[in-house]
Amino acid sequence: GDNDHLVDIFYIKSPPTSGSTIACTFGGNLTGGVITASYQDVDQTT
């Protein structure tokens, strides 16, 4: 519209079991936010 607004979903299957960092770099003059969540017992095929 007057500004661009996006909601996107990214994922990692079987992430490392040790502590990890998720970093997001926004290009240009953007404002954004990142939400992370971890789930267990997820079907790894689908």
All heavy atoms as atom14 arrays in JSON, in Angstrom:
{
  "sequence": "GDNDHLVDIFYIKSPPTSGSTIACTFGGNLTGGVITASYQDVDQTT",
  "atom14_mask": [
    [1, 1, 1, 1, 0, 0, 0, 0, 0, 0, 0, 0, 0, 0],
    [1, 1, 1, 1, 1, 1, 1, 1, 0, 0, 0, 0, 0, 0],
    [1, 1, 1, 1, 1, 1, 1, 1, 0, 0, 0, 0, 0, 0],
    [1, 1, 1, 1, 1, 1, 1, 1, 0, 0, 0, 0, 0, 0],
    [1, 1, 1, 1, 1, 1, 1, 1, 1, 1, 0, 0, 0, 0],
    [1, 1, 1, 1, 1, 1, 1, 1, 0, 0, 0, 0, 0, 0],
    [1, 1, 1, 1, 1, 1, 1, 0, 0, 0, 0, 0, 0, 0],
    [1, 1, 1, 1, 1, 1, 1, 1, 0, 0, 0, 0, 0, 0],
    [1, 1, 1, 1, 1, 1, 1, 1, 0, 0, 0, 0, 0, 0],
    [1, 1, 1, 1, 1, 1, 1, 1, 1, 1, 1, 0, 0, 0],
    [1, 1, 1, 1, 1, 1, 1, 1, 1, 1, 1, 1, 0, 0],
    [1, 1, 1, 1, 1, 1, 1, 1, 0, 0, 0, 0, 0, 0],
    [1, 1, 1, 1, 1, 1, 1, 1, 1, 0, 0, 0, 0, 0],
    [1, 1, 1, 1, 1, 1, 0, 0, 0, 0, 0, 0, 0, 0],
    [1, 1, 1, 1, 1, 1, 1, 0, 0, 0, 0, 0, 0, 0],
    [1, 1, 1, 1, 1, 1, 1, 0, 0, 0, 0, 0, 0, 0],
    [1, 1, 1, 1, 1, 1, 1, 0, 0, 0, 0, 0, 0, 0],
    [1, 1, 1, 1, 1, 1, 0, 0, 0, 0, 0, 0, 0, 0],
    [1, 1, 1, 1, 0, 0, 0, 0, 0, 0, 0, 0, 0, 0],
    [1, 1, 1, 1, 1, 1, 0, 0, 0, 0, 0, 0, 0, 0],
    [1, 1, 1, 1, 1, 1, 1, 0, 0, 0, 0, 0, 0, 0],
    [1, 1, 1, 1, 1, 1, 1, 1, 0, 0, 0, 0, 0, 0],
    [1, 1, 1, 1, 1, 0, 0, 0, 0, 0, 0, 0, 0, 0],
    [1, 1, 1, 1, 1, 1, 0, 0, 0, 0, 0, 0, 0, 0],
    [1, 1, 1, 1, 1, 1, 1, 0, 0, 0, 0, 0, 0, 0],
    [1, 1, 1, 1, 1, 1, 1, 1, 1, 1, 1, 0, 0, 0],
    [1, 1, 1, 1, 0, 0, 0, 0, 0, 0, 0, 0, 0, 0],
    [1, 1, 1, 1, 0, 0, 0, 0, 0, 0, 0, 0, 0, 0],
    [1, 1, 1, 1, 1, 1, 1, 1, 0, 0, 0, 0, 0, 0],
    [1, 1, 1, 1, 1, 1, 1, 1, 0, 0, 0, 0, 0, 0],
    [1, 1, 1, 1, 1, 1, 1, 0, 0, 0, 0, 0, 0, 0],
    [1, 1, 1, 1, 0, 0, 0, 0, 0, 0, 0, 0, 0, 0],
    [1, 1, 1, 1, 0, 0, 0, 0, 0, 0, 0, 0, 0, 0],
    [1, 1, 1, 1, 1, 1, 1, 0, 0, 0, 0, 0, 0, 0],
    [1, 1, 1, 1, 1, 1, 1, 1, 0, 0, 0, 0, 0, 0],
    [1, 1, 1, 1, 1, 1, 1, 0, 0, 0, 0, 0, 0, 0],
    [1, 1, 1, 1, 1, 0, 0, 0, 0, 0, 0, 0, 0, 0],
    [1, 1, 1, 1, 1, 1, 0, 0, 0, 0, 0, 0, 0, 0],
    [1, 1, 1, 1, 1, 1, 1, 1, 1, 1, 1, 1, 0, 0],
    [1, 1, 1, 1, 1, 1, 1, 1, 1, 0, 0, 0, 0, 0],
    [1, 1, 1, 1, 1, 1, 1, 1, 0, 0, 0, 0, 0, 0],
    [1, 1, 1, 1, 1, 1, 1, 0, 0, 0, 0, 0, 0, 0],
    [1, 1, 1, 1, 1, 1, 1, 1, 0, 0, 0, 0, 0, 0],
    [1, 1, 1, 1, 1, 1, 1, 1, 1, 0, 0, 0, 0, 0],
    [1, 1, 1, 1, 1, 1, 1, 0, 0, 0, 0, 0, 0, 0],
    [1, 1, 1, 1, 1, 1, 1, 0, 0, 0, 0, 0, 0, 0]
  ],
  "atom14_positions": [
    [[0.86, -1.18, 0.0], [0.0, 0.0, 0.0], [0.89, 1.22, 0.0], [1.78, 1.34, -0.84], [0.0, 0.0, 0.0], [0.0, 0.0, 0.0], [0.0, 0.0, 0.0], [0.0, 0.0, 0.0], [0.0, 0.0, 0.0], [0.0, 0.0, 0.0], [0.0, 0.0, 0.0], [0.0, 0.0, 0.0], [0.0, 0.0, 0.0], [0.0, 0.0, 0.0]],
    [[0.7, 2.1, 0.98], [1.58, 3.25, 1.11], [3.0, 2.81, 1.48], [3.97, 3.44, 1.12], [1.04, 4.21, 2.17], [-0.28, 4.83, 1.74], [-0.52, 4.9, 0.53], [-1.04, 5.24, 2.63], [0.0, 0.0, 0.0], [0.0, 0.0, 0.0], [0.0, 0.0, 0.0], [0.0, 0.0, 0.0], [0.0, 0.0, 0.0], [0.0, 0.0, 0.0]],
    [[3.09, 1.72, 2.24], [4.38, 1.13, 2.61], [4.3, -0.36, 2.31], [3.22, -0.91, 2.16], [4.66, 1.31, 4.12], [4.77, 2.77, 4.49], [5.63, 3.48, 3.98], [3.91, 3.23, 5.38], [0.0, 0.0, 0.0], [0.0, 0.0, 0.0], [0.0, 0.0, 0.0], [0.0, 0.0, 0.0], [0.0, 0.0, 0.0], [0.0, 0.0, 0.0]],
    [[5.44, -1.0, 2.2], [5.43, -2.45, 1.99], [5.41, -3.15, 3.34], [6.19, -2.82, 4.23], [6.67, -2.89, 1.21], [6.63, -2.41, -0.24], [5.52, -2.26, -0.76], [7.7, -2.19, -0.82], [0.0, 0.0, 0.0], [0.0, 0.0, 0.0], [0.0, 0.0, 0.0], [0.0, 0.0, 0.0], [0.0, 0.0, 0.0], [0.0, 0.0, 0.0]],
    [[4.52, -4.11, 3.5], [4.38, -4.88, 4.74], [4.46, -6.36, 4.38], [3.75, -6.82, 3.49], [3.03, -4.59, 5.41], [2.83, -3.15, 5.71], [2.21, -2.28, 4.85], [3.21, -2.41, 6.78], [2.19, -1.08, 5.37], [2.8, -1.12, 6.55], [0.0, 0.0, 0.0], [0.0, 0.0, 0.0], [0.0, 0.0, 0.0], [0.0, 0.0, 0.0]],
    [[5.32, -7.09, 5.07], [5.52, -8.5, 4.77], [5.49, -9.33, 6.04], [5.95, -8.89, 7.09], [6.89, -8.71, 4.1], [7.16, -7.95, 2.82], [8.63, -8.07, 2.44], [6.28, -8.44, 1.7], [0.0, 0.0, 0.0], [0.0, 0.0, 0.0], [0.0, 0.0, 0.0], [0.0, 0.0, 0.0], [0.0, 0.0, 0.0], [0.0, 0.0, 0.0]],
    [[4.97, -10.55, 5.93], [5.1, -11.55, 6.97], [5.59, -12.81, 6.26], [4.94, -13.3, 5.34], [3.76, -11.84, 7.68], [3.91, -12.98, 8.66], [3.25, -10.59, 8.38], [0.0, 0.0, 0.0], [0.0, 0.0, 0.0], [0.0, 0.0, 0.0], [0.0, 0.0, 0.0], [0.0, 0.0, 0.0], [0.0, 0.0, 0.0], [0.0, 0.0, 0.0]],
    [[6.75, -13.31, 6.65], [7.33, -14.5, 6.04], [7.68, -15.52, 7.11], [7.97, -15.15, 8.26], [8.61, -14.16, 5.27], [8.34, -13.37, 4.0], [7.38, -13.72, 3.29], [9.09, -12.42, 3.71], [0.0, 0.0, 0.0], [0.0, 0.0, 0.0], [0.0, 0.0, 0.0], [0.0, 0.0, 0.0], [0.0, 0.0, 0.0], [0.0, 0.0, 0.0]],
    [[7.67, -16.8, 6.74], [8.01, -17.88, 7.67], [9.18, -18.68, 7.08], [9.12, -19.13, 5.94], [6.81, -18.81, 7.93], [5.67, -18.02, 8.57], [7.23, -19.98, 8.82], [4.39, -18.83, 8.73], [0.0, 0.0, 0.0], [0.0, 0.0, 0.0], [0.0, 0.0, 0.0], [0.0, 0.0, 0.0], [0.0, 0.0, 0.0], [0.0, 0.0, 0.0]],
    [[10.22, -18.84, 7.89], [11.38, -19.65, 7.55], [11.5, -20.74, 8.62], [11.06, -20.56, 9.74], [12.66, -18.81, 7.54], [12.7, -17.77, 6.46], [12.08, -16.54, 6.63], [13.37, -18.02, 5.29], [12.11, -15.58, 5.64], [13.42, -17.05, 4.29], [12.79, -15.84, 4.46], [0.0, 0.0, 0.0], [0.0, 0.0, 0.0], [0.0, 0.0, 0.0]],
    [[12.16, -21.85, 8.29], [12.31, -22.92, 9.27], [13.61, -23.68, 9.09], [14.24, -23.61, 8.03], [11.12, -23.89, 9.21], [11.05, -24.7, 7.93], [11.62, -25.97, 7.86], [10.42, -24.21, 6.8], [11.57, -26.71, 6.69], [10.36, -24.93, 5.63], [10.94, -26.18, 5.58], [10.88, -26.91, 4.43], [0.0, 0.0, 0.0], [0.0, 0.0, 0.0]],
    [[13.98, -24.41, 10.14], [15.13, -25.31, 10.13], [14.64, -26.64, 10.68], [14.12, -26.7, 11.79], [16.28, -24.8, 11.01], [16.75, -23.42, 10.56], [17.45, -25.79, 11.0], [17.75, -22.78, 11.51], [0.0, 0.0, 0.0], [0.0, 0.0, 0.0], [0.0, 0.0, 0.0], [0.0, 0.0, 0.0], [0.0, 0.0, 0.0], [0.0, 0.0, 0.0]],
    [[14.82, -27.72, 9.91], [14.5, -29.05, 10.43], [15.75, -29.6, 11.12], [16.86, -29.4, 10.65], [14.09, -30.01, 9.3], [12.76, -29.69, 8.7], [12.18, -30.79, 7.85], [13.02, -31.17, 6.68], [12.37, -32.15, 5.78], [0.0, 0.0, 0.0], [0.0, 0.0, 0.0], [0.0, 0.0, 0.0], [0.0, 0.0, 0.0], [0.0, 0.0, 0.0]],
    [[15.54, -30.26, 12.24], [16.63, -30.86, 13.01], [17.77, -29.88, 13.27], [18.91, -30.1, 12.86], [17.17, -32.1, 12.29], [16.18, -33.07, 12.16], [0.0, 0.0, 0.0], [0.0, 0.0, 0.0], [0.0, 0.0, 0.0], [0.0, 0.0, 0.0], [0.0, 0.0, 0.0], [0.0, 0.0, 0.0], [0.0, 0.0, 0.0], [0.0, 0.0, 0.0]],
    [[17.49, -28.77, 13.96], [18.56, -27.8, 14.24], [19.57, -28.39, 15.22], [19.29, -29.4, 15.88], [17.81, -26.63, 14.87], [16.59, -27.25, 15.47], [16.23, -28.4, 14.57], [0.0, 0.0, 0.0], [0.0, 0.0, 0.0], [0.0, 0.0, 0.0], [0.0, 0.0, 0.0], [0.0, 0.0, 0.0], [0.0, 0.0, 0.0], [0.0, 0.0, 0.0]],
    [[20.74, -27.77, 15.34], [21.73, -28.25, 16.31], [21.15, -28.25, 17.72], [20.32, -27.41, 18.07], [22.87, -27.22, 16.2], [22.62, -26.48, 14.93], [21.16, -26.58, 14.63], [0.0, 0.0, 0.0], [0.0, 0.0, 0.0], [0.0, 0.0, 0.0], [0.0, 0.0, 0.0], [0.0, 0.0, 0.0], [0.0, 0.0, 0.0], [0.0, 0.0, 0.0]],
    [[21.58, -29.2, 18.54], [21.06, -29.28, 19.9], [21.74, -28.3, 20.83], [21.24, -28.03, 21.91], [21.22, -30.7, 20.45], [22.6, -31.09, 20.37], [20.38, -31.69, 19.65], [0.0, 0.0, 0.0], [0.0, 0.0, 0.0], [0.0, 0.0, 0.0], [0.0, 0.0, 0.0], [0.0, 0.0, 0.0], [0.0, 0.0, 0.0], [0.0, 0.0, 0.0]],
    [[22.9, -27.76, 20.43], [23.57, -26.76, 21.26], [22.99, -25.39, 20.96], [22.23, -25.21, 20.01], [25.07, -26.78, 20.99], [25.3, -26.43, 19.63], [0.0, 0.0, 0.0], [0.0, 0.0, 0.0], [0.0, 0.0, 0.0], [0.0, 0.0, 0.0], [0.0, 0.0, 0.0], [0.0, 0.0, 0.0], [0.0, 0.0, 0.0], [0.0, 0.0, 0.0]],
    [[23.34, -24.41, 21.76], [22.85, -23.05, 21.57], [23.17, -22.51, 20.19], [24.27, -22.73, 19.67], [0.0, 0.0, 0.0], [0.0, 0.0, 0.0], [0.0, 0.0, 0.0], [0.0, 0.0, 0.0], [0.0, 0.0, 0.0], [0.0, 0.0, 0.0], [0.0, 0.0, 0.0], [0.0, 0.0, 0.0], [0.0, 0.0, 0.0], [0.0, 0.0, 0.0]],
    [[22.23, -21.86, 19.58], [22.41, -21.3, 18.25], [21.9, -19.86, 18.22], [21.07, -19.48, 19.04], [21.65, -22.11, 17.21], [22.11, -23.44, 17.16], [0.0, 0.0, 0.0], [0.0, 0.0, 0.0], [0.0, 0.0, 0.0], [0.0, 0.0, 0.0], [0.0, 0.0, 0.0], [0.0, 0.0, 0.0], [0.0, 0.0, 0.0], [0.0, 0.0, 0.0]],
    [[22.38, -19.09, 17.27], [21.94, -17.71, 17.1], [21.24, -17.58, 15.76], [21.74, -18.06, 14.75], [23.14, -16.74, 17.14], [23.79, -16.86, 18.4], [22.69, -15.3, 16.9], [0.0, 0.0, 0.0], [0.0, 0.0, 0.0], [0.0, 0.0, 0.0], [0.0, 0.0, 0.0], [0.0, 0.0, 0.0], [0.0, 0.0, 0.0], [0.0, 0.0, 0.0]],
    [[20.07, -16.96, 15.76], [19.38, -16.64, 14.52], [19.52, -15.14, 14.32], [19.15, -14.35, 15.19], [17.9, -17.05, 14.58], [17.8, -18.57, 14.71], [17.14, -16.54, 13.37], [16.39, -19.08, 14.88], [0.0, 0.0, 0.0], [0.0, 0.0, 0.0], [0.0, 0.0, 0.0], [0.0, 0.0, 0.0], [0.0, 0.0, 0.0], [0.0, 0.0, 0.0]],
    [[20.09, -14.75, 13.2], [20.31, -13.34, 12.9], [19.56, -12.98, 11.62], [19.51, -13.77, 10.69], [21.79, -13.05, 12.74], [0.0, 0.0, 0.0], [0.0, 0.0, 0.0], [0.0, 0.0, 0.0], [0.0, 0.0, 0.0], [0.0, 0.0, 0.0], [0.0, 0.0, 0.0], [0.0, 0.0, 0.0], [0.0, 0.0, 0.0], [0.0, 0.0, 0.0]],
    [[18.98, -11.79, 11.6], [18.25, -11.32, 10.43], [18.79, -9.95, 10.06], [18.87, -9.06, 10.91], [16.76, -11.25, 10.77], [15.74, -10.75, 9.38], [0.0, 0.0, 0.0], [0.0, 0.0, 0.0], [0.0, 0.0, 0.0], [0.0, 0.0, 0.0], [0.0, 0.0, 0.0], [0.0, 0.0, 0.0], [0.0, 0.0, 0.0], [0.0, 0.0, 0.0]],
    [[19.18, -9.8, 8.8], [19.7, -8.52, 8.33], [18.72, -7.95, 7.33], [18.39, -8.59, 6.34], [21.08, -8.71, 7.66], [21.97, -9.31, 8.6], [21.64, -7.37, 7.19], [0.0, 0.0, 0.0], [0.0, 0.0, 0.0], [0.0, 0.0, 0.0], [0.0, 0.0, 0.0], [0.0, 0.0, 0.0], [0.0, 0.0, 0.0], [0.0, 0.0, 0.0]],
    [[18.23, -6.74, 7.6], [17.3, -6.07, 6.71], [18.08, -5.12, 5.81], [18.89, -4.34, 6.28], [16.26, -5.28, 7.51], [15.41, -6.14, 8.4], [15.68, -6.26, 9.75], [14.32, -6.83, 7.88], [14.9, -7.06, 10.57], [13.53, -7.63, 8.69], [13.82, -7.74, 10.03], [0.0, 0.0, 0.0], [0.0, 0.0, 0.0], [0.0, 0.0, 0.0]],
    [[17.83, -5.19, 4.51], [18.51, -4.31, 3.57], [17.72, -3.03, 3.36], [16.5, -3.0, 3.48], [0.0, 0.0, 0.0], [0.0, 0.0, 0.0], [0.0, 0.0, 0.0], [0.0, 0.0, 0.0], [0.0, 0.0, 0.0], [0.0, 0.0, 0.0], [0.0, 0.0, 0.0], [0.0, 0.0, 0.0], [0.0, 0.0, 0.0], [0.0, 0.0, 0.0]],
    [[18.43, -1.94, 3.09], [17.75, -0.68, 2.82], [17.21, -0.02, 4.07], [17.62, -0.32, 5.19], [0.0, 0.0, 0.0], [0.0, 0.0, 0.0], [0.0, 0.0, 0.0], [0.0, 0.0, 0.0], [0.0, 0.0, 0.0], [0.0, 0.0, 0.0], [0.0, 0.0, 0.0], [0.0, 0.0, 0.0], [0.0, 0.0, 0.0], [0.0, 0.0, 0.0]],
    [[16.25, 0.85, 3.9], [15.66, 1.6, 5.0], [14.42, 0.87, 5.5], [13.29, 1.24, 5.18], [15.32, 3.02, 4.53], [14.82, 3.89, 5.66], [15.08, 3.6, 6.83], [14.09, 4.93, 5.34], [0.0, 0.0, 0.0], [0.0, 0.0, 0.0], [0.0, 0.0, 0.0], [0.0, 0.0, 0.0], [0.0, 0.0, 0.0], [0.0, 0.0, 0.0]],
    [[14.63, -0.2, 6.24], [13.53, -1.05, 6.69], [13.47, -1.13, 8.21], [14.49, -1.02, 8.89], [13.69, -2.46, 6.14], [13.7, -2.61, 4.63], [13.96, -4.06, 4.26], [12.38, -2.16, 4.04], [0.0, 0.0, 0.0], [0.0, 0.0, 0.0], [0.0, 0.0, 0.0], [0.0, 0.0, 0.0], [0.0, 0.0, 0.0], [0.0, 0.0, 0.0]],
    [[12.29, -1.34, 8.71], [12.09, -1.63, 10.12], [11.46, -3.02, 10.19], [10.55, -3.32, 9.43], [11.12, -0.61, 10.77], [11.68, 0.69, 10.62], [10.9, -0.92, 12.23], [0.0, 0.0, 0.0], [0.0, 0.0, 0.0], [0.0, 0.0, 0.0], [0.0, 0.0, 0.0], [0.0, 0.0, 0.0], [0.0, 0.0, 0.0], [0.0, 0.0, 0.0]],
    [[11.93, -3.84, 11.08], [11.39, -5.19, 11.15], [11.55, -5.8, 12.51], [12.15, -5.22, 13.41], [0.0, 0.0, 0.0], [0.0, 0.0, 0.0], [0.0, 0.0, 0.0], [0.0, 0.0, 0.0], [0.0, 0.0, 0.0], [0.0, 0.0, 0.0], [0.0, 0.0, 0.0], [0.0, 0.0, 0.0], [0.0, 0.0, 0.0], [0.0, 0.0, 0.0]],
    [[10.99, -6.95, 12.64], [11.1, -7.72, 13.87], [11.22, -9.19, 13.55], [10.86, -9.63, 12.46], [0.0, 0.0, 0.0], [0.0, 0.0, 0.0], [0.0, 0.0, 0.0], [0.0, 0.0, 0.0], [0.0, 0.0, 0.0], [0.0, 0.0, 0.0], [0.0, 0.0, 0.0], [0.0, 0.0, 0.0], [0.0, 0.0, 0.0], [0.0, 0.0, 0.0]],
    [[11.73, -9.95, 14.49], [11.92, -11.38, 14.29], [11.37, -12.1, 15.51], [11.65, -11.7, 16.65], [13.41, -11.72, 14.1], [13.62, -13.21, 14.0], [13.97, -11.01, 12.89], [0.0, 0.0, 0.0], [0.0, 0.0, 0.0], [0.0, 0.0, 0.0], [0.0, 0.0, 0.0], [0.0, 0.0, 0.0], [0.0, 0.0, 0.0], [0.0, 0.0, 0.0]],
    [[10.61, -13.14, 15.29], [10.11, -13.99, 16.37], [10.62, -15.4, 16.09], [10.52, -15.89, 14.96], [8.57, -13.99, 16.42], [8.06, -12.59, 16.71], [8.07, -14.98, 17.47], [6.55, -12.46, 16.59], [0.0, 0.0, 0.0], [0.0, 0.0, 0.0], [0.0, 0.0, 0.0], [0.0, 0.0, 0.0], [0.0, 0.0, 0.0], [0.0, 0.0, 0.0]],
    [[11.17, -16.04, 17.11], [11.63, -17.42, 16.95], [10.88, -18.34, 17.9], [10.42, -17.91, 18.96], [13.14, -17.54, 17.22], [13.4, -17.2, 18.59], [13.94, -16.64, 16.31], [0.0, 0.0, 0.0], [0.0, 0.0, 0.0], [0.0, 0.0, 0.0], [0.0, 0.0, 0.0], [0.0, 0.0, 0.0], [0.0, 0.0, 0.0], [0.0, 0.0, 0.0]],
    [[10.75, -19.59, 17.5], [10.09, -20.59, 18.33], [10.74, -21.94, 18.05], [11.24, -22.19, 16.95], [8.6, -20.66, 18.04], [0.0, 0.0, 0.0], [0.0, 0.0, 0.0], [0.0, 0.0, 0.0], [0.0, 0.0, 0.0], [0.0, 0.0, 0.0], [0.0, 0.0, 0.0], [0.0, 0.0, 0.0], [0.0, 0.0, 0.0], [0.0, 0.0, 0.0]],
    [[10.73, -22.8, 19.03], [11.28, -24.13, 18.89], [10.22, -25.15, 19.3], [9.56, -24.97, 20.33], [12.53, -24.28, 19.77], [13.04, -25.58, 19.67], [0.0, 0.0, 0.0], [0.0, 0.0, 0.0], [0.0, 0.0, 0.0], [0.0, 0.0, 0.0], [0.0, 0.0, 0.0], [0.0, 0.0, 0.0], [0.0, 0.0, 0.0], [0.0, 0.0, 0.0]],
    [[10.06, -26.19, 18.52], [9.06, -27.24, 18.79], [9.76, -28.59, 18.78], [10.71, -28.8, 18.03], [7.96, -27.22, 17.73], [7.3, -25.87, 17.58], [7.68, -25.0, 16.56], [6.33, -25.45, 18.47], [7.09, -23.75, 16.43], [5.74, -24.2, 18.35], [6.12, -23.36, 17.32], [5.54, -22.13, 17.2], [0.0, 0.0, 0.0], [0.0, 0.0, 0.0]],
    [[9.27, -29.52, 19.58], [9.84, -30.86, 19.58], [8.8, -31.86, 19.11], [7.61, -31.57, 19.05], [10.35, -31.24, 20.97], [9.28, -31.45, 22.02], [9.9, -31.77, 23.37], [10.77, -31.05, 23.85], [9.45, -32.85, 23.96], [0.0, 0.0, 0.0], [0.0, 0.0, 0.0], [0.0, 0.0, 0.0], [0.0, 0.0, 0.0], [0.0, 0.0, 0.0]],
    [[9.26, -33.06, 18.75], [8.42, -34.14, 18.23], [7.69, -33.74, 16.95], [6.53, -34.07, 16.75], [7.42, -34.62, 19.28], [8.11, -35.21, 20.5], [9.2, -35.8, 20.33], [7.58, -35.07, 21.62], [0.0, 0.0, 0.0], [0.0, 0.0, 0.0], [0.0, 0.0, 0.0], [0.0, 0.0, 0.0], [0.0, 0.0, 0.0], [0.0, 0.0, 0.0]],
    [[8.38, -33.02, 16.07], [7.81, -32.59, 14.8], [8.14, -33.64, 13.74], [9.26, -34.15, 13.68], [8.4, -31.22, 14.38], [7.92, -30.82, 13.0], [8.04, -30.16, 15.41], [0.0, 0.0, 0.0], [0.0, 0.0, 0.0], [0.0, 0.0, 0.0], [0.0, 0.0, 0.0], [0.0, 0.0, 0.0], [0.0, 0.0, 0.0], [0.0, 0.0, 0.0]],
    [[7.16, -33.95, 12.89], [7.37, -34.87, 11.77], [8.45, -34.29, 10.87], [8.27, -33.22, 10.29], [6.06, -35.05, 11.01], [6.17, -36.05, 9.87], [7.24, -36.16, 9.24], [5.15, -36.72, 9.59], [0.0, 0.0, 0.0], [0.0, 0.0, 0.0], [0.0, 0.0, 0.0], [0.0, 0.0, 0.0], [0.0, 0.0, 0.0], [0.0, 0.0, 0.0]],
    [[9.59, -34.95, 10.73], [10.71, -34.43, 9.95], [10.51, -34.6, 8.45], [11.16, -33.93, 7.65], [12.02, -35.08, 10.39], [12.42, -34.73, 11.8], [12.67, -33.24, 11.97], [13.58, -32.68, 11.38], [11.84, -32.58, 12.78], [0.0, 0.0, 0.0], [0.0, 0.0, 0.0], [0.0, 0.0, 0.0], [0.0, 0.0, 0.0], [0.0, 0.0, 0.0]],
    [[9.61, -35.48, 8.03], [9.34, -35.66, 6.61], [8.37, -34.6, 6.11], [8.57, -33.98, 5.07], [8.76, -37.06, 6.35], [9.67, -38.03, 6.86], [8.55, -37.29, 4.87], [0.0, 0.0, 0.0], [0.0, 0.0, 0.0], [0.0, 0.0, 0.0], [0.0, 0.0, 0.0], [0.0, 0.0, 0.0], [0.0, 0.0, 0.0], [0.0, 0.0, 0.0]],
    [[7.28, -34.39, 6.84], [6.26, -33.41, 6.46], [5.93, -32.55, 7.68], [4.93, -32.78, 8.36], [4.98, -34.12, 5.96], [5.35, -35.11, 5.0], [4.02, -33.14, 5.32], [0.0, 0.0, 0.0], [0.0, 0.0, 0.0], [0.0, 0.0, 0.0], [0.0, 0.0, 0.0], [0.0, 0.0, 0.0], [0.0, 0.0, 0.0], [0.0, 0.0, 0.0]]
  ]
}
